[in-house]
Amino acid sequence: MATLTLRIPDELDQELERQSAASHLSKSDLAREALQRYLRVAQLRSLRARLVPLAQSQDIHTDEDVFKALGL
């Protein structure tokens, strides 16, 4: 496993300490989970940006249109 070192503001470190104690997780575990979540959201946004034009070309503009196209 690789190691990442980063500097964070004191206020963020204090909040991380509080959350770590409240959740019984290490600061590293919380930071790792937050980074994983951020990367997944970034991947989804990228995928959405590529798929929206394709969907719109198929006259799919809303969630309801997606469900209709899927037969749901």
PDB file of N, CA and C in Angstrom:
ATOM      1  N   MET A   1       0.857  -1.171   0.000  1.00  0.00           N
ATOM      2  CA  MET A   1       0.000   0.000   0.000  1.00  0.00           C
ATOM      3  C   MET A   1       0.902   1.232   0.000  1.00  0.00           C
ATOM      4  N   ALA A   2       0.561   2.199  -0.833  1.00  0.00           N
ATOM      5  CA  ALA A   2       1.327   3.434  -0.921  1.00  0.00           C
ATOM      6  C   ALA A   2       0.993   4.359   0.245  1.00  0.00           C
ATOM      7  N   THR A   3       1.876   5.303   0.484  1.00  0.00           N
ATOM      8  CA  THR A   3       1.669   6.293   1.536  1.00  0.00           C
ATOM      9  C   THR A   3       1.527   7.663   0.894  1.00  0.00           C
ATOM     10  N   LEU A   4       0.576   8.435   1.394  1.00  0.00           N
ATOM     11  CA  LEU A   4       0.347   9.798   0.929  1.00  0.00           C
ATOM     12  C   LEU A   4       0.451  10.719   2.130  1.00  0.00           C
ATOM     13  N   THR A   5       1.239  11.757   1.985  1.00  0.00           N
ATOM     14  CA  THR A   5       1.364  12.750   3.051  1.00  0.00           C
ATOM     15  C   THR A   5       0.786  14.055   2.528  1.00  0.00           C
ATOM     16  N   LEU A   6      -0.063  14.688   3.315  1.00  0.00           N
ATOM     17  CA  LEU A   6      -0.614  15.965   2.891  1.00  0.00           C
ATOM     18  C   LEU A   6      -0.753  16.892   4.080  1.00  0.00           C
ATOM     19  N   ARG A   7      -0.756  18.158   3.795  1.00  0.00           N
ATOM     20  CA  ARG A   7      -0.926  19.173   4.821  1.00  0.00           C
ATOM     21  C   ARG A   7      -2.380  19.644   4.780  1.00  0.00           C
ATOM     22  N   ILE A   8      -2.972  19.740   5.968  1.00  0.00           N
ATOM     23  CA  ILE A   8      -4.343  20.223   6.053  1.00  0.00           C
ATOM     24  C   ILE A   8      -4.399  21.330   7.099  1.00  0.00           C
ATOM     25  N   PRO A   9      -5.339  22.233   6.959  1.00  0.00           N
ATOM     26  CA  PRO A   9      -5.474  23.293   7.958  1.00  0.00           C
ATOM     27  C   PRO A   9      -5.807  22.709   9.333  1.00  0.00           C
ATOM     28  N   ASP A  10      -5.392  23.414  10.376  1.00  0.00           N
ATOM     29  CA  ASP A  10      -5.638  22.945  11.751  1.00  0.00           C
ATOM     30  C   ASP A  10      -7.116  22.677  11.998  1.00  0.00           C
ATOM     31  N   GLU A  11      -7.969  23.542  11.481  1.00  0.00           N
ATOM     32  CA  GLU A  11      -9.415  23.378  11.683  1.00  0.00           C
ATOM     33  C   GLU A  11      -9.912  22.064  11.084  1.00  0.00           C
ATOM     34  N   LEU A  12      -9.430  21.731   9.904  1.00  0.00           N
ATOM     35  CA  LEU A  12      -9.819  20.466   9.267  1.00  0.00           C
ATOM     36  C   LEU A  12      -9.281  19.282  10.065  1.00  0.00           C
ATOM     37  N   ASP A  13      -8.073  19.395  10.581  1.00  0.00           N
ATOM     38  CA  ASP A  13      -7.507  18.330  11.392  1.00  0.00           C
ATOM     39  C   ASP A  13      -8.330  18.124  12.661  1.00  0.00           C
ATOM     40  N   GLN A  14      -8.769  19.194  13.280  1.00  0.00           N
ATOM     41  CA  GLN A  14      -9.590  19.081  14.491  1.00  0.00           C
ATOM     42  C   GLN A  14     -10.917  18.385  14.186  1.00  0.00           C
ATOM     43  N   GLU A  15     -11.527  18.744  13.074  1.00  0.00           N
ATOM     44  CA  GLU A  15     -12.782  18.094  12.687  1.00  0.00           C
ATOM     45  C   GLU A  15     -12.549  16.617  12.377  1.00  0.00           C
ATOM     46  N   LEU A  16     -11.443  16.334  11.727  1.00  0.00           N
ATOM     47  CA  LEU A  16     -11.094  14.945  11.430  1.00  0.00           C
ATOM     48  C   LEU A  16     -10.879  14.164  12.729  1.00  0.00           C
ATOM     49  N   GLU A  17     -10.223  14.760  13.694  1.00  0.00           N
ATOM     50  CA  GLU A  17     -10.023  14.122  15.001  1.00  0.00           C
ATOM     51  C   GLU A  17     -11.367  13.819  15.664  1.00  0.00           C
ATOM     52  N   ARG A  18     -12.283  14.816  15.648  1.00  0.00           N
ATOM     53  CA  ARG A  18     -13.605  14.624  16.260  1.00  0.00           C
ATOM     54  C   ARG A  18     -14.365  13.491  15.581  1.00  0.00           C
ATOM     55  N   GLN A  19     -14.351  13.509  14.265  1.00  0.00           N
ATOM     56  CA  GLN A  19     -15.080  12.473  13.527  1.00  0.00           C
ATOM     57  C   GLN A  19     -14.443  11.113  13.722  1.00  0.00           C
ATOM     58  N   SER A  20     -13.141  11.080  13.800  1.00  0.00           N
ATOM     59  CA  SER A  20     -12.427   9.833  14.031  1.00  0.00           C
ATOM     60  C   SER A  20     -12.839   9.224  15.366  1.00  0.00           C
ATOM     61  N   ALA A  21     -12.878  10.040  16.388  1.00  0.00           N
ATOM     62  CA  ALA A  21     -13.276   9.550  17.714  1.00  0.00           C
ATOM     63  C   ALA A  21     -14.739   9.108  17.718  1.00  0.00           C
ATOM     64  N   ALA A  22     -15.594   9.889  17.080  1.00  0.00           N
ATOM     65  CA  ALA A  22     -17.029   9.575  17.082  1.00  0.00           C
ATOM     66  C   ALA A  22     -17.336   8.300  16.307  1.00  0.00           C
ATOM     67  N   SER A  23     -16.600   8.054  15.249  1.00  0.00           N
ATOM     68  CA  SER A  23     -16.891   6.891  14.400  1.00  0.00           C
ATOM     69  C   SER A  23     -16.024   5.682  14.722  1.00  0.00           C
ATOM     70  N   HIS A  24     -15.059   5.862  15.630  1.00  0.00           N
ATOM     71  CA  HIS A  24     -14.134   4.788  15.999  1.00  0.00           C
ATOM     72  C   HIS A  24     -13.345   4.289  14.793  1.00  0.00           C
ATOM     73  N   LEU A  25     -13.039   5.223  13.898  1.00  0.00           N
ATOM     74  CA  LEU A  25     -12.190   4.928  12.741  1.00  0.00           C
ATOM     75  C   LEU A  25     -10.956   5.806  12.830  1.00  0.00           C
ATOM     76  N   SER A  26      -9.859   5.330  12.268  1.00  0.00           N
ATOM     77  CA  SER A  26      -8.651   6.149  12.268  1.00  0.00           C
ATOM     78  C   SER A  26      -8.800   7.316  11.302  1.00  0.00           C
ATOM     79  N   LYS A  27      -7.988   8.327  11.525  1.00  0.00           N
ATOM     80  CA  LYS A  27      -7.997   9.468  10.596  1.00  0.00           C
ATOM     81  C   LYS A  27      -7.628   8.993   9.189  1.00  0.00           C
ATOM     82  N   SER A  28      -6.716   8.057   9.105  1.00  0.00           N
ATOM     83  CA  SER A  28      -6.326   7.511   7.792  1.00  0.00           C
ATOM     84  C   SER A  28      -7.496   6.818   7.113  1.00  0.00           C
ATOM     85  N   ASP A  29      -8.257   6.031   7.880  1.00  0.00           N
ATOM     86  CA  ASP A  29      -9.421   5.344   7.298  1.00  0.00           C
ATOM     87  C   ASP A  29     -10.441   6.352   6.795  1.00  0.00           C
ATOM     88  N   LEU A  30     -10.705   7.395   7.595  1.00  0.00           N
ATOM     89  CA  LEU A  30     -11.666   8.419   7.172  1.00  0.00           C
ATOM     90  C   LEU A  30     -11.182   9.140   5.921  1.00  0.00           C
ATOM     91  N   ALA A  31      -9.915   9.501   5.888  1.00  0.00           N
ATOM     92  CA  ALA A  31      -9.363  10.200   4.723  1.00  0.00           C
ATOM     93  C   ALA A  31      -9.407   9.301   3.486  1.00  0.00           C
ATOM     94  N   ARG A  32      -9.085   8.026   3.677  1.00  0.00           N
ATOM     95  CA  ARG A  32      -9.113   7.076   2.557  1.00  0.00           C
ATOM     96  C   ARG A  32     -10.533   6.930   2.009  1.00  0.00           C
ATOM     97  N   GLU A  33     -11.517   6.802   2.907  1.00  0.00           N
ATOM     98  CA  GLU A  33     -12.919   6.699   2.479  1.00  0.00           C
ATOM     99  C   GLU A  33     -13.368   7.962   1.749  1.00  0.00           C
ATOM    100  N   ALA A  34     -12.985   9.123   2.267  1.00  0.00           N
ATOM    101  CA  ALA A  34     -13.370  10.381   1.635  1.00  0.00           C
ATOM    102  C   ALA A  34     -12.752  10.500   0.242  1.00  0.00           C
ATOM    103  N   LEU A  35     -11.494  10.108   0.110  1.00  0.00           N
ATOM    104  CA  LEU A  35     -10.832  10.171  -1.190  1.00  0.00           C
ATOM    105  C   LEU A  35     -11.462   9.182  -2.168  1.00  0.00           C
ATOM    106  N   GLN A  36     -11.782   7.984  -1.700  1.00  0.00           N
ATOM    107  CA  GLN A  36     -12.443   7.006  -2.567  1.00  0.00           C
ATOM    108  C   GLN A  36     -13.791   7.535  -3.046  1.00  0.00           C
ATOM    109  N   ARG A  37     -14.545   8.120  -2.140  1.00  0.00           N
ATOM    110  CA  ARG A  37     -15.862   8.677  -2.485  1.00  0.00           C
ATOM    111  C   ARG A  37     -15.708   9.799  -3.511  1.00  0.00           C
ATOM    112  N   TYR A  38     -14.747  10.682  -3.285  1.00  0.00           N
ATOM    113  CA  TYR A  38     -14.502  11.778  -4.220  1.00  0.00           C
ATOM    114  C   TYR A  38     -14.165  11.252  -5.617  1.00  0.00           C
ATOM    115  N   LEU A  39     -13.290  10.259  -5.678  1.00  0.00           N
ATOM    116  CA  LEU A  39     -12.886   9.713  -6.974  1.00  0.00           C
ATOM    117  C   LEU A  39     -14.045   9.030  -7.691  1.00  0.00           C
ATOM    118  N   ARG A  40     -14.907   8.331  -6.939  1.00  0.00           N
ATOM    119  CA  ARG A  40     -16.086   7.692  -7.555  1.00  0.00           C
ATOM    120  C   ARG A  40     -17.035   8.750  -8.119  1.00  0.00           C
ATOM    121  N   VAL A  41     -17.256   9.811  -7.367  1.00  0.00           N
ATOM    122  CA  VAL A  41     -18.132  10.888  -7.842  1.00  0.00           C
ATOM    123  C   VAL A  41     -17.530  11.537  -9.088  1.00  0.00           C
ATOM    124  N   ALA A  42     -16.220  11.745  -9.086  1.00  0.00           N
ATOM    125  CA  ALA A  42     -15.555  12.329 -10.261  1.00  0.00           C
ATOM    126  C   ALA A  42     -15.715  11.408 -11.470  1.00  0.00           C
ATOM    127  N   GLN A  43     -15.592  10.096 -11.266  1.00  0.00           N
ATOM    128  CA  GLN A  43     -15.778   9.140 -12.360  1.00  0.00           C
ATOM    129  C   GLN A  43     -17.209   9.193 -12.893  1.00  0.00           C
ATOM    130  N   LEU A  44     -18.175   9.253 -11.978  1.00  0.00           N
ATOM    131  CA  LEU A  44     -19.578   9.320 -12.398  1.00  0.00           C
ATOM    132  C   LEU A  44     -19.865  10.603 -13.174  1.00  0.00           C
ATOM    133  N   ARG A  45     -19.312  11.720 -12.726  1.00  0.00           N
ATOM    134  CA  ARG A  45     -19.503  12.983 -13.449  1.00  0.00           C
ATOM    135  C   ARG A  45     -18.908  12.921 -14.842  1.00  0.00           C
ATOM    136  N   SER A  46     -17.737  12.317 -14.949  1.00  0.00           N
ATOM    137  CA  SER A  46     -17.096  12.171 -16.253  1.00  0.00           C
ATOM    138  C   SER A  46     -17.932  11.284 -17.173  1.00  0.00           C
ATOM    139  N   LEU A  47     -18.408  10.180 -16.640  1.00  0.00           N
ATOM    140  CA  LEU A  47     -19.251   9.270 -17.419  1.00  0.00           C
ATOM    141  C   LEU A  47     -20.535   9.968 -17.853  1.00  0.00           C
ATOM    142  N   ARG A  48     -21.140  10.700 -16.934  1.00  0.00           N
ATOM    143  CA  ARG A  48     -22.374  11.427 -17.248  1.00  0.00           C
ATOM    144  C   ARG A  48     -22.135  12.449 -18.353  1.00  0.00           C
ATOM    145  N   ALA A  49     -21.028  13.165 -18.283  1.00  0.00           N
ATOM    146  CA  ALA A  49     -20.716  14.176 -19.295  1.00  0.00           C
ATOM    147  C   ALA A  49     -20.593  13.543 -20.686  1.00  0.00           C
ATOM    148  N   ARG A  50     -20.095  12.315 -20.735  1.00  0.00           N
ATOM    149  CA  ARG A  50     -19.971  11.630 -22.023  1.00  0.00           C
ATOM    150  C   ARG A  50     -21.285  11.045 -22.501  1.00  0.00           C
ATOM    151  N   LEU A  51     -22.151  10.627 -21.547  1.00  0.00           N
ATOM    152  CA  LEU A  51     -23.380   9.947 -21.935  1.00  0.00           C
ATOM    153  C   LEU A  51     -24.558  10.882 -22.179  1.00  0.00           C
ATOM    154  N   VAL A  52     -24.572  12.045 -21.554  1.00  0.00           N
ATOM    155  CA  VAL A  52     -25.707  12.962 -21.722  1.00  0.00           C
ATOM    156  C   VAL A  52     -25.944  13.322 -23.186  1.00  0.00           C
ATOM    157  N   PRO A  53     -24.911  13.707 -23.943  1.00  0.00           N
ATOM    158  CA  PRO A  53     -25.174  14.014 -25.357  1.00  0.00           C
ATOM    159  C   PRO A  53     -25.749  12.825 -26.132  1.00  0.00           C
ATOM    160  N   LEU A  54     -25.270  11.630 -25.835  1.00  0.00           N
ATOM    161  CA  LEU A  54     -25.802  10.428 -26.495  1.00  0.00           C
ATOM    162  C   LEU A  54     -27.263  10.221 -26.126  1.00  0.00           C
ATOM    163  N   ALA A  55     -27.584  10.362 -24.842  1.00  0.00           N
ATOM    164  CA  ALA A  55     -28.967  10.197 -24.391  1.00  0.00           C
ATOM    165  C   ALA A  55     -29.866  11.240 -25.034  1.00  0.00           C
ATOM    166  N   GLN A  56     -29.402  12.481 -25.061  1.00  0.00           N
ATOM    167  CA  GLN A  56     -30.217  13.544 -25.648  1.00  0.00           C
ATOM    168  C   GLN A  56     -30.452  13.312 -27.134  1.00  0.00           C
ATOM    169  N   SER A  57     -29.468  12.731 -27.803  1.00  0.00           N
ATOM    170  CA  SER A  57     -29.666  12.429 -29.226  1.00  0.00           C
ATOM    171  C   SER A  57     -30.722  11.353 -29.425  1.00  0.00           C
ATOM    172  N   GLN A  58     -31.001  10.582 -28.365  1.00  0.00           N
ATOM    173  CA  GLN A  58     -32.033   9.548 -28.395  1.00  0.00           C
ATOM    174  C   GLN A  58     -33.334  10.054 -27.777  1.00  0.00           C
ATOM    175  N   ASP A  59     -33.427  11.372 -27.594  1.00  0.00           N
ATOM    176  CA  ASP A  59     -34.603  12.035 -27.007  1.00  0.00           C
ATOM    177  C   ASP A  59     -34.849  11.583 -25.564  1.00  0.00           C
ATOM    178  N   ILE A  60     -33.770  11.354 -24.843  1.00  0.00           N
ATOM    179  CA  ILE A  60     -33.840  11.012 -23.422  1.00  0.00           C
ATOM    180  C   ILE A  60     -33.312  12.218 -22.655  1.00  0.00           C
ATOM    181  N   HIS A  61     -34.217  12.872 -21.915  1.00  0.00           N
ATOM    182  CA  HIS A  61     -33.852  14.112 -21.230  1.00  0.00           C
ATOM    183  C   HIS A  61     -34.095  14.075 -19.726  1.00  0.00           C
ATOM    184  N   THR A  62     -34.931  13.182 -19.243  1.00  0.00           N
ATOM    185  CA  THR A  62     -35.288  13.147 -17.825  1.00  0.00           C
ATOM    186  C   THR A  62     -35.134  11.729 -17.283  1.00  0.00           C
ATOM    187  N   ASP A  63     -35.201  11.610 -15.951  1.00  0.00           N
ATOM    188  CA  ASP A  63     -35.170  10.280 -15.337  1.00  0.00           C
ATOM    189  C   ASP A  63     -36.327   9.434 -15.846  1.00  0.00           C
ATOM    190  N   GLU A  64     -37.483  10.067 -16.014  1.00  0.00           N
ATOM    191  CA  GLU A  64     -38.647   9.336 -16.509  1.00  0.00           C
ATOM    192  C   GLU A  64     -38.390   8.779 -17.908  1.00  0.00           C
ATOM    193  N   ASP A  65     -37.707   9.560 -18.742  1.00  0.00           N
ATOM    194  CA  ASP A  65     -37.353   9.078 -20.083  1.00  0.00           C
ATOM    195  C   ASP A  65     -36.439   7.861 -19.992  1.00  0.00           C
ATOM    196  N   VAL A  66     -35.506   7.876 -19.043  1.00  0.00           N
ATOM    197  CA  VAL A  66     -34.593   6.735 -18.865  1.00  0.00           C
ATOM    198  C   VAL A  66     -35.387   5.501 -18.466  1.00  0.00           C
ATOM    199  N   PHE A  67     -36.288   5.654 -17.479  1.00  0.00           N
ATOM    200  CA  PHE A  67     -37.092   4.506 -17.040  1.00  0.00           C
ATOM    201  C   PHE A  67     -37.946   3.978 -18.179  1.00  0.00           C
ATOM    202  N   LYS A  68     -38.505   4.883 -18.973  1.00  0.00           N
ATOM    203  CA  LYS A  68     -39.330   4.473 -20.110  1.00  0.00           C
ATOM    204  C   LYS A  68     -38.498   3.692 -21.123  1.00  0.00           C
ATOM    205  N   ALA A  69     -37.286   4.192 -21.408  1.00  0.00           N
ATOM    206  CA  ALA A  69     -36.404   3.526 -22.373  1.00  0.00           C
ATOM    207  C   ALA A  69     -35.982   2.152 -21.881  1.00  0.00           C
ATOM    208  N   LEU A  70     -35.898   1.995 -20.550  1.00  0.00           N
ATOM    209  CA  LEU A  70     -35.526   0.705 -19.972  1.00  0.00           C
ATOM    210  C   LEU A  70     -36.711  -0.213 -19.754  1.00  0.00           C
ATOM    211  N   GLY A  71     -37.908   0.299 -20.042  1.00  0.00           N
ATOM    212  CA  GLY A  71     -39.113  -0.489 -19.867  1.00  0.00           C
ATOM    213  C   GLY A  71     -39.520  -0.664 -18.408  1.00  0.00           C
ATOM    214  N   LEU A  72     -39.160   0.303 -17.588  1.00  0.00           N
ATOM    215  CA  LEU A  72     -39.495   0.216 -16.163  1.00  0.00           C
ATOM    216  C   LEU A  72     -40.673   1.086 -15.816  1.00  0.00           C
TER     217      LEU A  72
END
